[in-house]
PDB file of N, CA and C in Angstrom:
ATOM      1  N   MET A   1     -19.050  -7.888 -19.016  1.00  0.00           N
ATOM      2  CA  MET A   1     -19.636  -8.933 -18.652  1.00  0.00           C
ATOM      3  C   MET A   1     -19.818  -8.752 -17.232  1.00  0.00           C
ATOM      4  N   PRO A   2     -20.451  -9.154 -16.362  1.00  0.00           N
ATOM      5  CA  PRO A   2     -20.483  -8.940 -15.014  1.00  0.00           C
ATOM      6  C   PRO A   2     -19.867  -9.987 -14.282  1.00  0.00           C
ATOM      7  N   ASP A   3     -19.223  -9.805 -13.087  1.00  0.00           N
ATOM      8  CA  ASP A   3     -18.809 -10.849 -12.327  1.00  0.00           C
ATOM      9  C   ASP A   3     -19.614 -11.711 -11.751  1.00  0.00           C
ATOM     10  N   ARG A   4     -19.457 -13.093 -11.769  1.00  0.00           N
ATOM     11  CA  ARG A   4     -20.546 -13.902 -11.317  1.00  0.00           C
ATOM     12  C   ARG A   4     -20.045 -14.890 -10.303  1.00  0.00           C
ATOM     13  N   LYS A   5     -20.241 -15.104  -9.435  1.00  0.00           N
ATOM     14  CA  LYS A   5     -20.072 -15.828  -8.201  1.00  0.00           C
ATOM     15  C   LYS A   5     -20.379 -17.311  -8.582  1.00  0.00           C
ATOM     16  N   PRO A   6     -19.555 -18.348  -8.262  1.00  0.00           N
ATOM     17  CA  PRO A   6     -19.888 -19.515  -8.250  1.00  0.00           C
ATOM     18  C   PRO A   6     -21.228 -19.977  -7.435  1.00  0.00           C
ATOM     19  N   ILE A   7     -22.056 -20.699  -7.991  1.00  0.00           N
ATOM     20  CA  ILE A   7     -23.363 -21.313  -7.197  1.00  0.00           C
ATOM     21  C   ILE A   7     -23.016 -21.458  -5.667  1.00  0.00           C
ATOM     22  N   ASP A   8     -21.988 -22.301  -5.339  1.00  0.00           N
ATOM     23  CA  ASP A   8     -21.837 -22.947  -4.216  1.00  0.00           C
ATOM     24  C   ASP A   8     -21.134 -21.864  -3.413  1.00  0.00           C
ATOM     25  N   SER A   9     -20.848 -20.551  -3.680  1.00  0.00           N
ATOM     26  CA  SER A   9     -19.863 -19.592  -3.176  1.00  0.00           C
ATOM     27  C   SER A   9     -20.838 -18.681  -2.076  1.00  0.00           C
ATOM     28  N   ASP A  10     -20.561 -18.481  -0.793  1.00  0.00           N
ATOM     29  CA  ASP A  10     -21.243 -17.770  -0.005  1.00  0.00           C
ATOM     30  C   ASP A  10     -20.500 -16.391   0.082  1.00  0.00           C
ATOM     31  N   GLU A  11     -19.506 -16.093  -0.680  1.00  0.00           N
ATOM     32  CA  GLU A  11     -18.931 -14.790  -0.877  1.00  0.00           C
ATOM     33  C   GLU A  11     -19.726 -13.881  -1.522  1.00  0.00           C
ATOM     34  N   THR A  12     -20.002 -12.525  -0.725  1.00  0.00           N
ATOM     35  CA  THR A  12     -20.759 -11.395  -1.384  1.00  0.00           C
ATOM     36  C   THR A  12     -20.084 -10.500  -1.788  1.00  0.00           C
ATOM     37  N   PRO A  13     -20.449  -9.406  -2.633  1.00  0.00           N
ATOM     38  CA  PRO A  13     -19.668  -8.221  -3.201  1.00  0.00           C
ATOM     39  C   PRO A  13     -19.021  -7.544  -1.982  1.00  0.00           C
ATOM     40  N   THR A  14     -19.782  -7.449  -0.738  1.00  0.00           N
ATOM     41  CA  THR A  14     -19.453  -7.041   0.333  1.00  0.00           C
ATOM     42  C   THR A  14     -18.059  -7.469   0.770  1.00  0.00           C
ATOM     43  N   ASP A  15     -18.229  -9.016   0.754  1.00  0.00           N
ATOM     44  CA  ASP A  15     -16.894  -9.657   1.518  1.00  0.00           C
ATOM     45  C   ASP A  15     -15.845  -9.292   0.707  1.00  0.00           C
ATOM     46  N   ARG A  16     -15.913  -9.139  -0.664  1.00  0.00           N
ATOM     47  CA  ARG A  16     -15.026  -9.060  -1.633  1.00  0.00           C
ATOM     48  C   ARG A  16     -14.407  -7.724  -1.770  1.00  0.00           C
ATOM     49  N   ASP A  17     -15.302  -6.581  -1.113  1.00  0.00           N
ATOM     50  CA  ASP A  17     -14.652  -5.403  -0.969  1.00  0.00           C
ATOM     51  C   ASP A  17     -14.000  -5.230   0.296  1.00  0.00           C
ATOM     52  N   THR A  18     -14.611  -5.893   1.216  1.00  0.00           N
ATOM     53  CA  THR A  18     -13.662  -5.996   2.669  1.00  0.00           C
ATOM     54  C   THR A  18     -12.126  -6.694   2.454  1.00  0.00           C
ATOM     55  N   PHE A  19     -12.505  -7.560   1.928  1.00  0.00           N
ATOM     56  CA  PHE A  19     -10.991  -8.260   1.680  1.00  0.00           C
ATOM     57  C   PHE A  19     -10.279  -7.563   0.915  1.00  0.00           C
ATOM     58  N   LYS A  20     -10.489  -6.662  -0.161  1.00  0.00           N
ATOM     59  CA  LYS A  20      -9.787  -5.806  -0.910  1.00  0.00           C
ATOM     60  C   LYS A  20      -9.345  -4.667   0.044  1.00  0.00           C
ATOM     61  N   GLU A  21     -10.099  -4.348   0.912  1.00  0.00           N
ATOM     62  CA  GLU A  21      -9.842  -3.130   1.810  1.00  0.00           C
ATOM     63  C   GLU A  21      -8.634  -3.667   2.621  1.00  0.00           C
ATOM     64  N   CYS A  22      -8.852  -4.821   3.580  1.00  0.00           N
ATOM     65  CA  CYS A  22      -7.744  -5.181   4.116  1.00  0.00           C
ATOM     66  C   CYS A  22      -6.544  -5.670   3.587  1.00  0.00           C
ATOM     67  N   ARG A  23      -6.444  -5.921   2.409  1.00  0.00           N
ATOM     68  CA  ARG A  23      -5.234  -6.408   1.556  1.00  0.00           C
ATOM     69  C   ARG A  23      -4.562  -5.019   1.153  1.00  0.00           C
ATOM     70  N   ILE A  24      -5.348  -3.718   0.874  1.00  0.00           N
ATOM     71  CA  ILE A  24      -4.526  -2.642   0.569  1.00  0.00           C
ATOM     72  C   ILE A  24      -4.157  -2.204   1.890  1.00  0.00           C
ATOM     73  N   GLU A  25      -4.684  -2.196   3.208  1.00  0.00           N
ATOM     74  CA  GLU A  25      -4.032  -1.882   4.611  1.00  0.00           C
ATOM     75  C   GLU A  25      -2.959  -2.594   4.502  1.00  0.00           C
ATOM     76  N   ILE A  26      -2.973  -3.728   4.325  1.00  0.00           N
ATOM     77  CA  ILE A  26      -1.676  -4.588   4.588  1.00  0.00           C
ATOM     78  C   ILE A  26      -0.409  -3.988   3.645  1.00  0.00           C
ATOM     79  N   ILE A  27      -0.891  -3.705   2.229  1.00  0.00           N
ATOM     80  CA  ILE A  27       0.106  -3.182   1.378  1.00  0.00           C
ATOM     81  C   ILE A  27       0.641  -1.896   1.921  1.00  0.00           C
ATOM     82  N   GLN A  28      -0.257  -0.947   2.537  1.00  0.00           N
ATOM     83  CA  GLN A  28       0.247   0.561   2.854  1.00  0.00           C
ATOM     84  C   GLN A  28       1.181   0.192   4.003  1.00  0.00           C
ATOM     85  N   ARG A  29       1.028  -0.674   5.038  1.00  0.00           N
ATOM     86  CA  ARG A  29       1.874  -0.847   6.076  1.00  0.00           C
ATOM     87  C   ARG A  29       3.093  -1.391   5.655  1.00  0.00           C
ATOM     88  N   ALA A  30       3.026  -2.211   4.632  1.00  0.00           N
ATOM     89  CA  ALA A  30       4.374  -2.652   4.186  1.00  0.00           C
ATOM     90  C   ALA A  30       5.243  -1.663   3.352  1.00  0.00           C
ATOM     91  N   MET A  31       4.330  -0.900   2.646  1.00  0.00           N
ATOM     92  CA  MET A  31       5.009   0.002   1.881  1.00  0.00           C
ATOM     93  C   MET A  31       5.510   1.162   2.873  1.00  0.00           C
ATOM     94  N   LEU A  32       4.876   1.701   3.647  1.00  0.00           N
ATOM     95  CA  LEU A  32       5.249   2.495   4.542  1.00  0.00           C
ATOM     96  C   LEU A  32       6.611   2.263   5.450  1.00  0.00           C
ATOM     97  N   HIS A  33       6.570   0.835   5.743  1.00  0.00           N
ATOM     98  CA  HIS A  33       7.731   0.613   6.648  1.00  0.00           C
ATOM     99  C   HIS A  33       8.996   0.780   5.707  1.00  0.00           C
ATOM    100  N   ALA A  34       8.801   0.292   4.484  1.00  0.00           N
ATOM    101  CA  ALA A  34       9.986   0.394   3.603  1.00  0.00           C
ATOM    102  C   ALA A  34      10.642   1.811   3.419  1.00  0.00           C
ATOM    103  N   PHE A  35       9.424   2.610   3.272  1.00  0.00           N
ATOM    104  CA  PHE A  35       9.990   3.837   3.046  1.00  0.00           C
ATOM    105  C   PHE A  35      10.464   4.783   3.991  1.00  0.00           C
ATOM    106  N   VAL A  36      10.261   4.128   5.394  1.00  0.00           N
ATOM    107  CA  VAL A  36      10.771   5.096   6.640  1.00  0.00           C
ATOM    108  C   VAL A  36      11.788   4.174   7.370  1.00  0.00           C
ATOM    109  N   ASP A  37      12.074   2.839   6.741  1.00  0.00           N
ATOM    110  CA  ASP A  37      13.046   2.140   7.377  1.00  0.00           C
ATOM    111  C   ASP A  37      14.335   2.543   7.093  1.00  0.00           C
ATOM    112  N   PRO A  38      15.320   2.916   7.921  1.00  0.00           N
ATOM    113  CA  PRO A  38      16.488   3.615   7.602  1.00  0.00           C
ATOM    114  C   PRO A  38      17.550   2.672   6.621  1.00  0.00           C
ATOM    115  N   HIS A  39      17.234   1.215   6.802  1.00  0.00           N
ATOM    116  CA  HIS A  39      18.033   0.357   5.830  1.00  0.00           C
ATOM    117  C   HIS A  39      17.238   0.160   4.272  1.00  0.00           C
ATOM    118  N   ARG A  40      16.362   0.794   4.456  1.00  0.00           N
ATOM    119  CA  ARG A  40      15.456   0.680   2.930  1.00  0.00           C
ATOM    120  C   ARG A  40      15.287   2.088   2.447  1.00  0.00           C
ATOM    121  N   GLN A  41      15.395   2.891   3.054  1.00  0.00           N
ATOM    122  CA  GLN A  41      14.660   4.294   3.009  1.00  0.00           C
ATOM    123  C   GLN A  41      15.345   4.551   1.706  1.00  0.00           C
ATOM    124  N   ARG A  42      14.544   5.095   0.680  1.00  0.00           N
ATOM    125  CA  ARG A  42      15.010   5.753  -0.387  1.00  0.00           C
ATOM    126  C   ARG A  42      14.132   6.104  -1.469  1.00  0.00           C
ATOM    127  N   PRO A  43      14.272   6.838  -2.571  1.00  0.00           N
ATOM    128  CA  PRO A  43      12.978   6.880  -3.366  1.00  0.00           C
ATOM    129  C   PRO A  43      12.954   5.493  -4.048  1.00  0.00           C
ATOM    130  N   TRP A  44      11.620   5.298  -3.884  1.00  0.00           N
ATOM    131  CA  TRP A  44      11.168   3.973  -4.689  1.00  0.00           C
ATOM    132  C   TRP A  44      10.563   4.112  -5.952  1.00  0.00           C
ATOM    133  N   ALA A  45      11.159   3.629  -7.013  1.00  0.00           N
ATOM    134  CA  ALA A  45      10.500   3.857  -8.400  1.00  0.00           C
ATOM    135  C   ALA A  45       9.352   3.125  -8.381  1.00  0.00           C
ATOM    136  N   SER A  46       8.131   3.323  -9.156  1.00  0.00           N
ATOM    137  CA  SER A  46       7.121   2.758  -9.237  1.00  0.00           C
ATOM    138  C   SER A  46       7.125   1.239  -9.734  1.00  0.00           C
ATOM    139  N   GLU A  47       8.116   0.979 -10.657  1.00  0.00           N
ATOM    140  CA  GLU A  47       8.015  -0.450 -11.111  1.00  0.00           C
ATOM    141  C   GLU A  47       9.028  -1.144  -9.957  1.00  0.00           C
ATOM    142  N   ASP A  48       9.697  -0.634  -9.160  1.00  0.00           N
ATOM    143  CA  ASP A  48      10.342  -1.328  -7.806  1.00  0.00           C
ATOM    144  C   ASP A  48       8.956  -1.705  -7.011  1.00  0.00           C
ATOM    145  N   ILE A  49       8.349  -0.678  -7.036  1.00  0.00           N
ATOM    146  CA  ILE A  49       7.084  -0.966  -5.771  1.00  0.00           C
ATOM    147  C   ILE A  49       6.263  -2.066  -6.300  1.00  0.00           C
ATOM    148  N   ALA A  50       5.927  -1.856  -7.628  1.00  0.00           N
ATOM    149  CA  ALA A  50       4.932  -3.242  -8.276  1.00  0.00           C
ATOM    150  C   ALA A  50       5.643  -4.343  -8.204  1.00  0.00           C
ATOM    151  N   ARG A  51       7.058  -4.478  -8.575  1.00  0.00           N
ATOM    152  CA  ARG A  51       7.787  -5.836  -8.307  1.00  0.00           C
ATOM    153  C   ARG A  51       7.924  -6.339  -6.850  1.00  0.00           C
ATOM    154  N   GLU A  52       8.011  -5.374  -5.639  1.00  0.00           N
ATOM    155  CA  GLU A  52       8.363  -5.734  -4.375  1.00  0.00           C
ATOM    156  C   GLU A  52       6.786  -6.358  -3.694  1.00  0.00           C
ATOM    157  N   TYR A  53       5.860  -5.688  -4.190  1.00  0.00           N
ATOM    158  CA  TYR A  53       4.325  -6.082  -3.790  1.00  0.00           C
ATOM    159  C   TYR A  53       3.502  -6.958  -4.661  1.00  0.00           C
ATOM    160  N   ALA A  54       4.051  -7.403  -5.757  1.00  0.00           N
ATOM    161  CA  ALA A  54       3.037  -8.162  -6.568  1.00  0.00           C
ATOM    162  C   ALA A  54       2.464  -9.450  -6.220  1.00  0.00           C
ATOM    163  N   ASP A  55       3.312 -10.285  -5.302  1.00  0.00           N
ATOM    164  CA  ASP A  55       2.806 -11.294  -4.708  1.00  0.00           C
ATOM    165  C   ASP A  55       1.685 -11.338  -3.851  1.00  0.00           C
ATOM    166  N   ILE A  56       1.467  -9.888  -3.137  1.00  0.00           N
ATOM    167  CA  ILE A  56       0.302  -9.928  -2.346  1.00  0.00           C
ATOM    168  C   ILE A  56      -0.780  -8.921  -2.671  1.00  0.00           C
ATOM    169  N   SER A  57      -0.760  -8.461  -3.992  1.00  0.00           N
ATOM    170  CA  SER A  57      -1.574  -7.434  -4.363  1.00  0.00           C
ATOM    171  C   SER A  57      -2.324  -7.917  -5.572  1.00  0.00           C
ATOM    172  N   GLY A  58      -3.513  -7.348  -5.358  1.00  0.00           N
ATOM    173  CA  GLY A  58      -4.587  -7.502  -6.865  1.00  0.00           C
ATOM    174  C   GLY A  58      -4.580  -6.299  -7.454  1.00  0.00           C
ATOM    175  N   GLU A  59      -5.364  -6.256  -8.621  1.00  0.00           N
ATOM    176  CA  GLU A  59      -5.443  -5.274  -9.516  1.00  0.00           C
ATOM    177  C   GLU A  59      -5.869  -3.978  -8.895  1.00  0.00           C
ATOM    178  N   GLY A  60      -4.853  -3.196  -9.217  1.00  0.00           N
ATOM    179  CA  GLY A  60      -5.192  -1.633  -8.977  1.00  0.00           C
ATOM    180  C   GLY A  60      -4.853  -1.318  -7.566  1.00  0.00           C
ATOM    181  N   ASP A  61      -4.507  -2.784  -6.538  1.00  0.00           N
ATOM    182  CA  ASP A  61      -4.269  -2.535  -5.259  1.00  0.00           C
ATOM    183  C   ASP A  61      -2.941  -1.484  -4.625  1.00  0.00           C
ATOM    184  N   ILE A  62      -2.048  -1.800  -5.644  1.00  0.00           N
ATOM    185  CA  ILE A  62      -0.745  -0.687  -5.401  1.00  0.00           C
ATOM    186  C   ILE A  62      -0.778   0.720  -5.627  1.00  0.00           C
ATOM    187  N   GLU A  63      -1.733   0.698  -6.647  1.00  0.00           N
ATOM    188  CA  GLU A  63      -2.067   2.510  -6.831  1.00  0.00           C
ATOM    189  C   GLU A  63      -2.976   2.765  -5.695  1.00  0.00           C
ATOM    190  N   ASP A  64      -3.875   2.170  -5.341  1.00  0.00           N
ATOM    191  CA  ASP A  64      -4.655   2.705  -4.298  1.00  0.00           C
ATOM    192  C   ASP A  64      -3.967   2.621  -2.857  1.00  0.00           C
ATOM    193  N   ALA A  65      -3.061   1.897  -2.584  1.00  0.00           N
ATOM    194  CA  ALA A  65      -2.524   1.881  -1.564  1.00  0.00           C
ATOM    195  C   ALA A  65      -1.582   3.318  -1.609  1.00  0.00           C
ATOM    196  N   LEU A  66      -0.905   3.545  -2.620  1.00  0.00           N
ATOM    197  CA  LEU A  66       0.005   4.848  -2.888  1.00  0.00           C
ATOM    198  C   LEU A  66      -0.992   6.146  -2.752  1.00  0.00           C
ATOM    199  N   GLY A  67      -2.016   5.888  -3.251  1.00  0.00           N
ATOM    200  CA  GLY A  67      -2.754   6.924  -3.132  1.00  0.00           C
ATOM    201  C   GLY A  67      -3.200   7.396  -1.888  1.00  0.00           C
ATOM    202  N   TYR A  68      -3.849   6.303  -1.056  1.00  0.00           N
ATOM    203  CA  TYR A  68      -4.035   6.625   0.334  1.00  0.00           C
ATOM    204  C   TYR A  68      -2.773   7.115   1.116  1.00  0.00           C
ATOM    205  N   LEU A  69      -1.832   6.651   0.896  1.00  0.00           N
ATOM    206  CA  LEU A  69      -0.688   6.988   1.552  1.00  0.00           C
ATOM    207  C   LEU A  69      -0.140   8.499   1.343  1.00  0.00           C
ATOM    208  N   LYS A  70      -0.438   8.897   0.022  1.00  0.00           N
ATOM    209  CA  LYS A  70       0.254  10.168  -0.718  1.00  0.00           C
ATOM    210  C   LYS A  70      -1.072  11.176  -0.100  1.00  0.00           C
ATOM    211  N   SER A  71      -2.251  10.588  -0.059  1.00  0.00           N
ATOM    212  CA  SER A  71      -3.450  11.670   0.448  1.00  0.00           C
ATOM    213  C   SER A  71      -3.490  12.158   1.925  1.00  0.00           C
ATOM    214  N   ALA A  72      -2.720  11.138   2.732  1.00  0.00           N
ATOM    215  CA  ALA A  72      -2.674  11.439   4.240  1.00  0.00           C
ATOM    216  C   ALA A  72      -1.402  12.290   4.438  1.00  0.00           C
ATOM    217  N   GLY A  73      -0.393  12.409   3.387  1.00  0.00           N
ATOM    218  CA  GLY A  73       0.664  13.068   3.803  1.00  0.00           C
ATOM    219  C   GLY A  73       1.990  12.261   4.193  1.00  0.00           C
ATOM    220  N   LEU A  74       1.819  11.033   4.030  1.00  0.00           N
ATOM    221  CA  LEU A  74       2.742   9.987   4.572  1.00  0.00           C
ATOM    222  C   LEU A  74       4.098   9.765   3.299  1.00  0.00           C
ATOM    223  N   ILE A  75       3.644  10.197   2.242  1.00  0.00           N
ATOM    224  CA  ILE A  75       4.493  10.152   1.010  1.00  0.00           C
ATOM    225  C   ILE A  75       4.474  11.311   0.254  1.00  0.00           C
ATOM    226  N   TYR A  76       5.645  11.232  -0.547  1.00  0.00           N
ATOM    227  CA  TYR A  76       5.529  12.172  -1.720  1.00  0.00           C
ATOM    228  C   TYR A  76       5.989  11.618  -3.141  1.00  0.00           C
ATOM    229  N   ARG A  77       5.564  11.983  -4.013  1.00  0.00           N
ATOM    230  CA  ARG A  77       5.998  11.602  -5.506  1.00  0.00           C
ATOM    231  C   ARG A  77       6.611  12.522  -5.928  1.00  0.00           C
ATOM    232  N   MET A  78       7.943  12.248  -6.816  1.00  0.00           N
ATOM    233  CA  MET A  78       8.589  13.134  -7.614  1.00  0.00           C
ATOM    234  C   MET A  78       8.651  12.200  -8.732  1.00  0.00           C
ATOM    235  N   ASP A  79       8.550  12.696 -10.142  1.00  0.00           N
ATOM    236  CA  ASP A  79       8.571  11.899 -11.192  1.00  0.00           C
ATOM    237  C   ASP A  79       7.918  10.812 -10.988  1.00  0.00           C
ATOM    238  N   ASP A  80       8.647   9.517 -10.932  1.00  0.00           N
ATOM    239  CA  ASP A  80       7.922   8.256 -10.940  1.00  0.00           C
ATOM    240  C   ASP A  80       8.529   7.524  -9.898  1.00  0.00           C
ATOM    241  N   CYS A  81       9.008   8.544  -8.845  1.00  0.00           N
ATOM    242  CA  CYS A  81       9.574   7.717  -7.465  1.00  0.00           C
ATOM    243  C   CYS A  81       8.466   8.289  -6.210  1.00  0.00           C
ATOM    244  N   TYR A  82       8.875   7.412  -5.175  1.00  0.00           N
ATOM    245  CA  TYR A  82       7.921   7.893  -3.938  1.00  0.00           C
ATOM    246  C   TYR A  82       8.788   7.753  -2.923  1.00  0.00           C
ATOM    247  N   PHE A  83       8.606   8.598  -1.890  1.00  0.00           N
ATOM    248  CA  PHE A  83       9.245   8.486  -0.806  1.00  0.00           C
ATOM    249  C   PHE A  83       8.680   8.944   0.484  1.00  0.00           C
ATOM    250  N   ALA A  84       9.100   8.689   1.700  1.00  0.00           N
ATOM    251  CA  ALA A  84       8.491   9.180   2.891  1.00  0.00           C
ATOM    252  C   ALA A  84       8.490  10.444   3.042  1.00  0.00           C
ATOM    253  N   SER A  85       7.704  11.291   3.697  1.00  0.00           N
ATOM    254  CA  SER A  85       7.566  12.433   4.122  1.00  0.00           C
ATOM    255  C   SER A  85       8.615  12.756   5.549  1.00  0.00           C
ATOM    256  N   ARG A  86       8.975  13.697   5.554  1.00  0.00           N
ATOM    257  CA  ARG A  86       9.668  14.062   6.800  1.00  0.00           C
ATOM    258  C   ARG A  86       8.735  13.818   8.063  1.00  0.00           C
ATOM    259  N   ALA A  87       7.423  13.932   8.026  1.00  0.00           N
ATOM    260  CA  ALA A  87       6.651  13.592   9.459  1.00  0.00           C
ATOM    261  C   ALA A  87       6.710  12.163   9.246  1.00  0.00           C
ATOM    262  N   ALA A  88       6.384  11.128   8.554  1.00  0.00           N
ATOM    263  CA  ALA A  88       6.235  10.280   8.670  1.00  0.00           C
ATOM    264  C   ALA A  88       7.443   9.489   9.337  1.00  0.00           C
ATOM    265  N   VAL A  89       8.796  10.073   8.694  1.00  0.00           N
ATOM    266  CA  VAL A  89      10.038   9.496   9.128  1.00  0.00           C
ATOM    267  C   VAL A  89      10.425   9.972  10.360  1.00  0.00           C
ATOM    268  N   HIS A  90       9.940  10.818  11.092  1.00  0.00           N
ATOM    269  CA  HIS A  90      10.203  11.429  12.292  1.00  0.00           C
ATOM    270  C   HIS A  90       9.088  10.462  13.203  1.00  0.00           C
ATOM    271  N   VAL A  91       8.102  10.277  12.785  1.00  0.00           N
ATOM    272  CA  VAL A  91       7.093   9.666  13.583  1.00  0.00           C
ATOM    273  C   VAL A  91       7.626   7.991  14.080  1.00  0.00           C
ATOM    274  N   PHE A  92       8.519   7.610  12.799  1.00  0.00           N
ATOM    275  CA  PHE A  92       8.910   6.160  12.880  1.00  0.00           C
ATOM    276  C   PHE A  92      10.240   6.398  13.942  1.00  0.00           C
ATOM    277  N   GLU A  93      11.033   7.179  13.847  1.00  0.00           N
ATOM    278  CA  GLU A  93      12.096   7.466  14.736  1.00  0.00           C
ATOM    279  C   GLU A  93      11.702   7.623  16.153  1.00  0.00           C
ATOM    280  N   LEU A  94      10.592   8.214  16.586  1.00  0.00           N
ATOM    281  CA  LEU A  94      10.075   8.383  17.778  1.00  0.00           C
ATOM    282  C   LEU A  94       9.505   7.194  18.312  1.00  0.00           C
ATOM    283  N   GLY A  95       9.185   6.024  17.447  1.00  0.00           N
ATOM    284  CA  GLY A  95       8.768   4.835  17.794  1.00  0.00           C
ATOM    285  C   GLY A  95       7.246   4.943  18.024  1.00  0.00           C
ATOM    286  N   ILE A  96       6.666   5.806  17.653  1.00  0.00           N
ATOM    287  CA  ILE A  96       5.325   6.026  17.802  1.00  0.00           C
ATOM    288  C   ILE A  96       4.444   5.086  16.587  1.00  0.00           C
ATOM    289  N   LEU A  97       5.334   5.141  15.428  1.00  0.00           N
ATOM    290  CA  LEU A  97       4.887   4.314  14.210  1.00  0.00           C
ATOM    291  C   LEU A  97       5.312   2.930  14.284  1.00  0.00           C
ATOM    292  N   SER A  98       4.303   1.742  14.821  1.00  0.00           N
ATOM    293  CA  SER A  98       4.809   0.479  14.900  1.00  0.00           C
ATOM    294  C   SER A  98       3.912  -0.273  13.759  1.00  0.00           C
ATOM    295  N   ILE A  99       4.531  -0.627  12.589  1.00  0.00           N
ATOM    296  CA  ILE A  99       4.165  -1.415  11.405  1.00  0.00           C
ATOM    297  C   ILE A  99       4.117  -2.762  11.803  1.00  0.00           C
TER     298      ILE A  99
END
């Protein structure tokens, strides 16, 4: 069944896509900060990530955010855990990465 917007809504599919992209960017920033922050840095299990960001994510957002970070080389995945790449941590330590 196709998504239908309410008759009085001015929201377009493009608006929804833009909102989703912004939401995913926010989630990526939050995740990357958690991955590189020395006080929180550790391998993060997928279940922990899902719980941590459940209140700000929509369906598929967490997977999309992890995919973008992974494809950019900022995080790695081992089994069901994610952690920051050495380069991401180094950039954070230099103060170049401001999240």
